[in-house]
């Protein structure tokens, strides 16, 4: 399989994927990209192209925080959260 890899075909595949732009889940761009990927796989001879559907159910908000974000600049592991800013002024 590795012997069949060609740089120009690889570049064409990447360029093909970039035509869809942002592929955020649930958007038409994402559906079109997935359709394109499926067509590409079938053109390579892959006949078993099954789509897996993921469902994300975020946990409910913690009632102890009242829906507020922590003001700590540290994450759960103790590492500093990059780019985290505490609001200035106003007491």
PDB file of N, CA and C in Angstrom:
ATOM      1  N   UNK A   1       0.819  -1.188   0.000  1.00  0.00           N
ATOM      2  CA  UNK A   1       0.000   0.000   0.000  1.00  0.00           C
ATOM      3  C   UNK A   1       0.868   1.259   0.000  1.00  0.00           C
ATOM      4  N   UNK A   2       1.934   1.248   0.778  1.00  0.00           N
ATOM      5  CA  UNK A   2       2.809   2.415   0.846  1.00  0.00           C
ATOM      6  C   UNK A   2       3.436   2.689  -0.513  1.00  0.00           C
ATOM      7  N   UNK A   3       3.712   1.639  -1.274  1.00  0.00           N
ATOM      8  CA  UNK A   3       4.304   1.815  -2.604  1.00  0.00           C
ATOM      9  C   UNK A   3       3.384   2.581  -3.546  1.00  0.00           C
ATOM     10  N   UNK A   4       2.082   2.561  -3.281  1.00  0.00           N
ATOM     11  CA  UNK A   4       1.126   3.243  -4.156  1.00  0.00           C
ATOM     12  C   UNK A   4       0.983   4.726  -3.837  1.00  0.00           C
ATOM     13  N   UNK A   5       1.593   5.188  -2.749  1.00  0.00           N
ATOM     14  CA  UNK A   5       1.495   6.601  -2.379  1.00  0.00           C
ATOM     15  C   UNK A   5       2.276   7.474  -3.346  1.00  0.00           C
ATOM     16  N   UNK A   6       1.658   8.551  -3.776  1.00  0.00           N
ATOM     17  CA  UNK A   6       2.312   9.508  -4.665  1.00  0.00           C
ATOM     18  C   UNK A   6       2.076  10.902  -4.118  1.00  0.00           C
ATOM     19  N   UNK A   7       3.112  11.701  -4.086  1.00  0.00           N
ATOM     20  CA  UNK A   7       3.040  13.039  -3.519  1.00  0.00           C
ATOM     21  C   UNK A   7       1.968  13.888  -4.204  1.00  0.00           C
ATOM     22  N   UNK A   8       1.891  13.851  -5.521  1.00  0.00           N
ATOM     23  CA  UNK A   8       0.926  14.682  -6.233  1.00  0.00           C
ATOM     24  C   UNK A   8      -0.513  14.281  -5.916  1.00  0.00           C
ATOM     25  N   UNK A   9      -0.769  12.989  -5.769  1.00  0.00           N
ATOM     26  CA  UNK A   9      -2.124  12.543  -5.403  1.00  0.00           C
ATOM     27  C   UNK A   9      -2.457  12.975  -3.977  1.00  0.00           C
ATOM     28  N   UNK A  10      -1.457  12.910  -3.099  1.00  0.00           N
ATOM     29  CA  UNK A  10      -1.643  13.343  -1.712  1.00  0.00           C
ATOM     30  C   UNK A  10      -1.991  14.829  -1.678  1.00  0.00           C
ATOM     31  N   UNK A  11      -1.243  15.642  -2.438  1.00  0.00           N
ATOM     32  CA  UNK A  11      -1.508  17.079  -2.500  1.00  0.00           C
ATOM     33  C   UNK A  11      -2.911  17.345  -3.038  1.00  0.00           C
ATOM     34  N   UNK A  12      -3.318  16.580  -4.052  1.00  0.00           N
ATOM     35  CA  UNK A  12      -4.647  16.768  -4.639  1.00  0.00           C
ATOM     36  C   UNK A  12      -5.738  16.450  -3.622  1.00  0.00           C
ATOM     37  N   UNK A  13      -5.512  15.423  -2.809  1.00  0.00           N
ATOM     38  CA  UNK A  13      -6.485  15.062  -1.776  1.00  0.00           C
ATOM     39  C   UNK A  13      -6.608  16.177  -0.741  1.00  0.00           C
ATOM     40  N   UNK A  14      -5.491  16.697  -0.285  1.00  0.00           N
ATOM     41  CA  UNK A  14      -5.510  17.794   0.697  1.00  0.00           C
ATOM     42  C   UNK A  14      -6.195  19.020   0.093  1.00  0.00           C
ATOM     43  N   UNK A  15      -5.867  19.329  -1.155  1.00  0.00           N
ATOM     44  CA  UNK A  15      -6.496  20.481  -1.815  1.00  0.00           C
ATOM     45  C   UNK A  15      -8.002  20.256  -1.950  1.00  0.00           C
ATOM     46  N   UNK A  16      -8.400  19.018  -2.244  1.00  0.00           N
ATOM     47  CA  UNK A  16      -9.828  18.693  -2.342  1.00  0.00           C
ATOM     48  C   UNK A  16     -10.549  18.930  -1.030  1.00  0.00           C
ATOM     49  N   UNK A  17      -9.918  18.572   0.074  1.00  0.00           N
ATOM     50  CA  UNK A  17     -10.545  18.788   1.383  1.00  0.00           C
ATOM     51  C   UNK A  17     -10.629  20.265   1.740  1.00  0.00           C
ATOM     52  N   UNK A  18      -9.661  21.048   1.306  1.00  0.00           N
ATOM     53  CA  UNK A  18      -9.670  22.465   1.672  1.00  0.00           C
ATOM     54  C   UNK A  18     -10.765  23.243   0.956  1.00  0.00           C
ATOM     55  N   UNK A  19     -11.324  22.699  -0.118  1.00  0.00           N
ATOM     56  CA  UNK A  19     -12.374  23.420  -0.844  1.00  0.00           C
ATOM     57  C   UNK A  19     -13.637  23.612  -0.011  1.00  0.00           C
ATOM     58  N   UNK A  20     -13.776  22.848   1.079  1.00  0.00           N
ATOM     59  CA  UNK A  20     -14.976  22.939   1.896  1.00  0.00           C
ATOM     60  C   UNK A  20     -14.848  23.962   3.014  1.00  0.00           C
ATOM     61  N   UNK A  21     -13.645  24.480   3.228  1.00  0.00           N
ATOM     62  CA  UNK A  21     -13.444  25.488   4.272  1.00  0.00           C
ATOM     63  C   UNK A  21     -13.685  24.913   5.655  1.00  0.00           C
ATOM     64  N   UNK A  22     -14.237  25.741   6.518  1.00  0.00           N
ATOM     65  CA  UNK A  22     -14.546  25.343   7.885  1.00  0.00           C
ATOM     66  C   UNK A  22     -15.573  24.210   7.843  1.00  0.00           C
ATOM     67  N   UNK A  23     -15.262  23.107   8.490  1.00  0.00           N
ATOM     68  CA  UNK A  23     -16.166  21.954   8.454  1.00  0.00           C
ATOM     69  C   UNK A  23     -16.740  21.676   9.836  1.00  0.00           C
ATOM     70  N   UNK A  24     -17.251  22.699  10.470  1.00  0.00           N
ATOM     71  CA  UNK A  24     -17.838  22.527  11.800  1.00  0.00           C
ATOM     72  C   UNK A  24     -18.984  21.529  11.741  1.00  0.00           C
ATOM     73  N   UNK A  25     -19.048  20.689  12.756  1.00  0.00           N
ATOM     74  CA  UNK A  25     -20.066  19.646  12.829  1.00  0.00           C
ATOM     75  C   UNK A  25     -21.467  20.230  12.664  1.00  0.00           C
ATOM     76  N   UNK A  26     -22.291  19.556  11.849  1.00  0.00           N
ATOM     77  CA  UNK A  26     -23.671  19.965  11.663  1.00  0.00           C
ATOM     78  C   UNK A  26     -23.895  20.955  10.543  1.00  0.00           C
ATOM     79  N   UNK A  27     -22.813  21.427   9.913  1.00  0.00           N
ATOM     80  CA  UNK A  27     -22.978  22.395   8.830  1.00  0.00           C
ATOM     81  C   UNK A  27     -23.076  21.685   7.486  1.00  0.00           C
ATOM     82  N   UNK A  28     -23.594  22.396   6.510  1.00  0.00           N
ATOM     83  CA  UNK A  28     -23.685  21.836   5.161  1.00  0.00           C
ATOM     84  C   UNK A  28     -22.287  21.582   4.598  1.00  0.00           C
ATOM     85  N   UNK A  29     -21.309  22.455   4.932  1.00  0.00           N
ATOM     86  CA  UNK A  29     -19.929  22.252   4.474  1.00  0.00           C
ATOM     87  C   UNK A  29     -19.384  20.930   4.983  1.00  0.00           C
ATOM     88  N   UNK A  30     -19.716  20.597   6.230  1.00  0.00           N
ATOM     89  CA  UNK A  30     -19.259  19.336   6.799  1.00  0.00           C
ATOM     90  C   UNK A  30     -19.891  18.154   6.068  1.00  0.00           C
ATOM     91  N   UNK A  31     -21.190  18.240   5.810  1.00  0.00           N
ATOM     92  CA  UNK A  31     -21.874  17.145   5.094  1.00  0.00           C
ATOM     93  C   UNK A  31     -21.300  16.960   3.703  1.00  0.00           C
ATOM     94  N   UNK A  32     -21.026  18.061   3.011  1.00  0.00           N
ATOM     95  CA  UNK A  32     -20.444  17.968   1.672  1.00  0.00           C
ATOM     96  C   UNK A  32     -19.047  17.361   1.722  1.00  0.00           C
ATOM     97  N   UNK A  33     -18.269  17.734   2.727  1.00  0.00           N
ATOM     98  CA  UNK A  33     -16.923  17.173   2.869  1.00  0.00           C
ATOM     99  C   UNK A  33     -16.993  15.674   3.140  1.00  0.00           C
ATOM    100  N   UNK A  34     -17.900  15.252   3.994  1.00  0.00           N
ATOM    101  CA  UNK A  34     -18.049  13.832   4.297  1.00  0.00           C
ATOM    102  C   UNK A  34     -18.493  13.066   3.053  1.00  0.00           C
ATOM    103  N   UNK A  35     -19.406  13.648   2.280  1.00  0.00           N
ATOM    104  CA  UNK A  35     -19.830  13.027   1.021  1.00  0.00           C
ATOM    105  C   UNK A  35     -18.638  12.890   0.075  1.00  0.00           C
ATOM    106  N   UNK A  36     -17.822  13.942  -0.003  1.00  0.00           N
ATOM    107  CA  UNK A  36     -16.648  13.928  -0.881  1.00  0.00           C
ATOM    108  C   UNK A  36     -15.670  12.846  -0.448  1.00  0.00           C
ATOM    109  N   UNK A  37     -15.420  12.750   0.867  1.00  0.00           N
ATOM    110  CA  UNK A  37     -14.503  11.726   1.392  1.00  0.00           C
ATOM    111  C   UNK A  37     -15.020  10.334   1.062  1.00  0.00           C
ATOM    112  N   UNK A  38     -16.318  10.125   1.248  1.00  0.00           N
ATOM    113  CA  UNK A  38     -16.908   8.826   0.939  1.00  0.00           C
ATOM    114  C   UNK A  38     -16.742   8.492  -0.547  1.00  0.00           C
ATOM    115  N   UNK A  39     -16.971   9.460  -1.419  1.00  0.00           N
ATOM    116  CA  UNK A  39     -16.806   9.234  -2.861  1.00  0.00           C
ATOM    117  C   UNK A  39     -15.351   8.905  -3.188  1.00  0.00           C
ATOM    118  N   UNK A  40     -14.409   9.597  -2.521  1.00  0.00           N
ATOM    119  CA  UNK A  40     -12.995   9.314  -2.750  1.00  0.00           C
ATOM    120  C   UNK A  40     -12.654   7.884  -2.337  1.00  0.00           C
ATOM    121  N   UNK A  41     -13.117   7.479  -1.157  1.00  0.00           N
ATOM    122  CA  UNK A  41     -12.838   6.120  -0.683  1.00  0.00           C
ATOM    123  C   UNK A  41     -13.404   5.075  -1.645  1.00  0.00           C
ATOM    124  N   UNK A  42     -14.614   5.315  -2.132  1.00  0.00           N
ATOM    125  CA  UNK A  42     -15.220   4.375  -3.072  1.00  0.00           C
ATOM    126  C   UNK A  42     -14.443   4.339  -4.385  1.00  0.00           C
ATOM    127  N   UNK A  43     -13.904   5.494  -4.808  1.00  0.00           N
ATOM    128  CA  UNK A  43     -13.116   5.516  -6.051  1.00  0.00           C
ATOM    129  C   UNK A  43     -11.813   4.742  -5.896  1.00  0.00           C
ATOM    130  N   UNK A  44     -11.340   4.574  -4.650  1.00  0.00           N
ATOM    131  CA  UNK A  44     -10.125   3.797  -4.384  1.00  0.00           C
ATOM    132  C   UNK A  44     -10.427   2.311  -4.233  1.00  0.00           C
ATOM    133  N   UNK A  45     -11.733   1.966  -4.280  1.00  0.00           N
ATOM    134  CA  UNK A  45     -12.108   0.561  -4.177  1.00  0.00           C
ATOM    135  C   UNK A  45     -12.615   0.147  -2.803  1.00  0.00           C
ATOM    136  N   UNK A  46     -12.768   1.086  -1.895  1.00  0.00           N
ATOM    137  CA  UNK A  46     -13.304   0.776  -0.567  1.00  0.00           C
ATOM    138  C   UNK A  46     -14.821   0.703  -0.677  1.00  0.00           C
ATOM    139  N   UNK A  47     -15.374  -0.474  -0.461  1.00  0.00           N
ATOM    140  CA  UNK A  47     -16.819  -0.632  -0.625  1.00  0.00           C
ATOM    141  C   UNK A  47     -17.572  -0.564   0.694  1.00  0.00           C
ATOM    142  N   UNK A  48     -16.908  -0.799   1.793  1.00  0.00           N
ATOM    143  CA  UNK A  48     -17.571  -0.787   3.102  1.00  0.00           C
ATOM    144  C   UNK A  48     -17.319   0.567   3.774  1.00  0.00           C
ATOM    145  N   UNK A  49     -18.031   1.589   3.324  1.00  0.00           N
ATOM    146  CA  UNK A  49     -17.873   2.930   3.902  1.00  0.00           C
ATOM    147  C   UNK A  49     -19.098   3.237   4.753  1.00  0.00           C
ATOM    148  N   UNK A  50     -18.997   2.896   5.997  1.00  0.00           N
ATOM    149  CA  UNK A  50     -20.106   3.122   6.930  1.00  0.00           C
ATOM    150  C   UNK A  50     -19.856   4.399   7.714  1.00  0.00           C
ATOM    151  N   UNK A  51     -20.880   5.221   7.867  1.00  0.00           N
ATOM    152  CA  UNK A  51     -20.748   6.459   8.639  1.00  0.00           C
ATOM    153  C   UNK A  51     -21.120   6.195  10.085  1.00  0.00           C
ATOM    154  N   UNK A  52     -20.286   6.686  10.962  1.00  0.00           N
ATOM    155  CA  UNK A  52     -20.532   6.564  12.399  1.00  0.00           C
ATOM    156  C   UNK A  52     -21.086   7.898  12.881  1.00  0.00           C
ATOM    157  N   UNK A  53     -22.165   7.856  13.607  1.00  0.00           N
ATOM    158  CA  UNK A  53     -22.782   9.079  14.120  1.00  0.00           C
ATOM    159  C   UNK A  53     -22.469   9.178  15.611  1.00  0.00           C
ATOM    160  N   UNK A  54     -21.863  10.290  15.971  1.00  0.00           N
ATOM    161  CA  UNK A  54     -21.535  10.551  17.372  1.00  0.00           C
ATOM    162  C   UNK A  54     -22.539  11.541  17.941  1.00  0.00           C
ATOM    163  N   UNK A  55     -22.910  11.324  19.176  1.00  0.00           N
ATOM    164  CA  UNK A  55     -23.801  12.260  19.848  1.00  0.00           C
ATOM    165  C   UNK A  55     -23.108  12.727  21.115  1.00  0.00           C
ATOM    166  N   UNK A  56     -22.902  14.022  21.217  1.00  0.00           N
ATOM    167  CA  UNK A  56     -22.239  14.598  22.373  1.00  0.00           C
ATOM    168  C   UNK A  56     -23.281  15.177  23.316  1.00  0.00           C
ATOM    169  N   UNK A  57     -23.301  14.680  24.526  1.00  0.00           N
ATOM    170  CA  UNK A  57     -24.206  15.181  25.558  1.00  0.00           C
ATOM    171  C   UNK A  57     -23.357  15.739  26.692  1.00  0.00           C
ATOM    172  N   UNK A  58     -23.136  17.044  26.698  1.00  0.00           N
ATOM    173  CA  UNK A  58     -22.284  17.625  27.738  1.00  0.00           C
ATOM    174  C   UNK A  58     -22.920  17.449  29.111  1.00  0.00           C
ATOM    175  N   UNK A  59     -22.077  17.341  30.134  1.00  0.00           N
ATOM    176  CA  UNK A  59     -22.620  17.197  31.484  1.00  0.00           C
ATOM    177  C   UNK A  59     -23.365  18.459  31.889  1.00  0.00           C
ATOM    178  N   UNK A  60     -24.359  18.323  32.762  1.00  0.00           N
ATOM    179  CA  UNK A  60     -25.085  19.516  33.208  1.00  0.00           C
ATOM    180  C   UNK A  60     -24.159  20.428  34.014  1.00  0.00           C
ATOM    181  N   UNK A  61     -24.481  21.722  34.095  1.00  0.00           N
ATOM    182  CA  UNK A  61     -23.648  22.642  34.867  1.00  0.00           C
ATOM    183  C   UNK A  61     -23.593  22.218  36.331  1.00  0.00           C
ATOM    184  N   UNK A  62     -22.478  22.498  36.963  1.00  0.00           N
ATOM    185  CA  UNK A  62     -22.297  22.186  38.373  1.00  0.00           C
ATOM    186  C   UNK A  62     -23.156  23.143  39.202  1.00  0.00           C
ATOM    187  N   UNK A  63     -24.128  22.615  39.964  1.00  0.00           N
ATOM    188  CA  UNK A  63     -25.004  23.503  40.743  1.00  0.00           C
ATOM    189  C   UNK A  63     -24.260  24.265  41.832  1.00  0.00           C
ATOM    190  N   UNK A  64     -23.097  23.791  42.237  1.00  0.00           N
ATOM    191  CA  UNK A  64     -22.333  24.451  43.295  1.00  0.00           C
ATOM    192  C   UNK A  64     -21.643  25.725  42.816  1.00  0.00           C
ATOM    193  N   UNK A  65     -21.503  25.889  41.486  1.00  0.00           N
ATOM    194  CA  UNK A  65     -20.825  27.084  40.979  1.00  0.00           C
ATOM    195  C   UNK A  65     -21.815  28.137  40.524  1.00  0.00           C
ATOM    196  N   UNK A  66     -23.093  27.825  40.515  1.00  0.00           N
ATOM    197  CA  UNK A  66     -24.099  28.785  40.090  1.00  0.00           C
ATOM    198  C   UNK A  66     -23.949  29.174  38.634  1.00  0.00           C
ATOM    199  N   UNK A  67     -23.336  28.289  37.831  1.00  0.00           N
ATOM    200  CA  UNK A  67     -23.148  28.568  36.417  1.00  0.00           C
ATOM    201  C   UNK A  67     -21.987  29.503  36.131  1.00  0.00           C
ATOM    202  N   UNK A  68     -21.243  29.907  37.156  1.00  0.00           N
ATOM    203  CA  UNK A  68     -20.120  30.824  36.978  1.00  0.00           C
ATOM    204  C   UNK A  68     -18.840  30.052  36.682  1.00  0.00           C
ATOM    205  N   UNK A  69     -17.981  30.663  35.886  1.00  0.00           N
ATOM    206  CA  UNK A  69     -16.665  30.084  35.624  1.00  0.00           C
ATOM    207  C   UNK A  69     -15.775  30.312  36.823  1.00  0.00           C
ATOM    208  N   UNK A  70     -14.830  29.427  36.989  1.00  0.00           N
ATOM    209  CA  UNK A  70     -13.854  29.585  38.052  1.00  0.00           C
ATOM    210  C   UNK A  70     -12.985  30.806  37.761  1.00  0.00           C
ATOM    211  N   UNK A  71     -12.584  31.527  38.807  1.00  0.00           N
ATOM    212  CA  UNK A  71     -11.685  32.670  38.612  1.00  0.00           C
ATOM    213  C   UNK A  71     -10.235  32.239  38.794  1.00  0.00           C
ATOM    214  N   UNK A  72     -10.016  30.951  39.035  1.00  0.00           N
ATOM    215  CA  UNK A  72      -8.654  30.461  39.189  1.00  0.00           C
ATOM    216  C   UNK A  72      -7.977  30.382  37.821  1.00  0.00           C
ATOM    217  N   UNK A  73      -6.728  30.850  37.733  1.00  0.00           N
ATOM    218  CA  UNK A  73      -6.015  30.750  36.454  1.00  0.00           C
ATOM    219  C   UNK A  73      -5.405  29.368  36.236  1.00  0.00           C
ATOM    220  N   UNK A  74      -5.754  28.402  37.103  1.00  0.00           N
ATOM    221  CA  UNK A  74      -5.172  27.071  37.015  1.00  0.00           C
ATOM    222  C   UNK A  74      -6.240  26.038  36.676  1.00  0.00           C
ATOM    223  N   UNK A  75      -5.859  25.083  35.846  1.00  0.00           N
ATOM    224  CA  UNK A  75      -6.760  24.011  35.461  1.00  0.00           C
ATOM    225  C   UNK A  75      -6.835  22.946  36.533  1.00  0.00           C
ATOM    226  N   UNK A  76      -7.618  21.877  36.301  1.00  0.00           N
ATOM    227  CA  UNK A  76      -7.795  20.833  37.298  1.00  0.00           C
ATOM    228  C   UNK A  76      -6.505  20.106  37.645  1.00  0.00           C
ATOM    229  N   UNK A  77      -5.525  20.099  36.735  1.00  0.00           N
ATOM    230  CA  UNK A  77      -4.261  19.410  37.020  1.00  0.00           C
ATOM    231  C   UNK A  77      -3.266  20.324  37.715  1.00  0.00           C
ATOM    232  N   UNK A  78      -3.629  21.596  37.879  1.00  0.00           N
ATOM    233  CA  UNK A  78      -2.725  22.542  38.525  1.00  0.00           C
ATOM    234  C   UNK A  78      -1.915  23.346  37.534  1.00  0.00           C
ATOM    235  N   UNK A  79      -2.003  23.004  36.238  1.00  0.00           N
ATOM    236  CA  UNK A  79      -1.253  23.739  35.226  1.00  0.00           C
ATOM    237  C   UNK A  79      -1.959  25.068  34.931  1.00  0.00           C
ATOM    238  N   UNK A  80      -1.178  26.079  34.633  1.00  0.00           N
ATOM    239  CA  UNK A  80      -1.742  27.396  34.325  1.00  0.00           C
ATOM    240  C   UNK A  80      -2.467  27.344  32.988  1.00  0.00           C
ATOM    241  N   UNK A  81      -3.648  27.935  32.922  1.00  0.00           N
ATOM    242  CA  UNK A  81      -4.425  27.990  31.698  1.00  0.00           C
ATOM    243  C   UNK A  81      -3.899  29.147  30.863  1.00  0.00           C
ATOM    244  N   UNK A  82      -3.390  28.871  29.682  1.00  0.00           N
ATOM    245  CA  UNK A  82      -2.834  29.910  28.808  1.00  0.00           C
ATOM    246  C   UNK A  82      -3.945  30.810  28.279  1.00  0.00           C
ATOM    247  N   UNK A  83      -3.684  32.099  28.235  1.00  0.00           N
ATOM    248  CA  UNK A  83      -4.638  33.035  27.679  1.00  0.00           C
ATOM    249  C   UNK A  83      -5.791  33.373  28.607  1.00  0.00           C
ATOM    250  N   UNK A  84      -5.803  32.826  29.810  1.00  0.00           N
ATOM    251  CA  UNK A  84      -6.882  33.075  30.763  1.00  0.00           C
ATOM    252  C   UNK A  84      -6.688  34.456  31.365  1.00  0.00           C
ATOM    253  N   UNK A  85      -7.721  35.239  31.371  1.00  0.00           N
ATOM    254  CA  UNK A  85      -7.630  36.592  31.918  1.00  0.00           C
ATOM    255  C   UNK A  85      -8.706  36.808  32.970  1.00  0.00           C
ATOM    256  N   UNK A  86      -8.306  37.382  34.080  1.00  0.00           N
ATOM    257  CA  UNK A  86      -9.258  37.733  35.128  1.00  0.00           C
ATOM    258  C   UNK A  86      -9.710  39.162  34.859  1.00  0.00           C
ATOM    259  N   UNK A  87     -11.044  39.427  34.878  1.00  0.00           N
ATOM    260  CA  UNK A  87     -11.539  40.775  34.612  1.00  0.00           C
ATOM    261  C   UNK A  87     -10.898  41.802  35.545  1.00  0.00           C
ATOM    262  N   UNK A  88     -10.623  42.974  35.019  1.00  0.00           N
ATOM    263  CA  UNK A  88     -10.005  44.031  35.813  1.00  0.00           C
ATOM    264  C   UNK A  88     -11.050  44.998  36.321  1.00  0.00           C
ATOM    265  N   UNK A  89     -10.719  45.699  37.408  1.00  0.00           N
ATOM    266  CA  UNK A  89     -11.556  46.761  37.944  1.00  0.00           C
ATOM    267  C   UNK A  89     -12.844  46.269  38.553  1.00  0.00           C
ATOM    268  N   UNK A  90     -13.764  47.192  38.833  1.00  0.00           N
ATOM    269  CA  UNK A  90     -15.101  46.922  39.370  1.00  0.00           C
ATOM    270  C   UNK A  90     -15.136  45.949  40.527  1.00  0.00           C
ATOM    271  N   UNK A  91     -15.385  46.429  41.696  1.00  0.00           N
ATOM    272  CA  UNK A  91     -15.475  45.524  42.849  1.00  0.00           C
ATOM    273  C   UNK A  91     -16.878  45.230  43.203  1.00  0.00           C
TER     274      UNK A  91
END
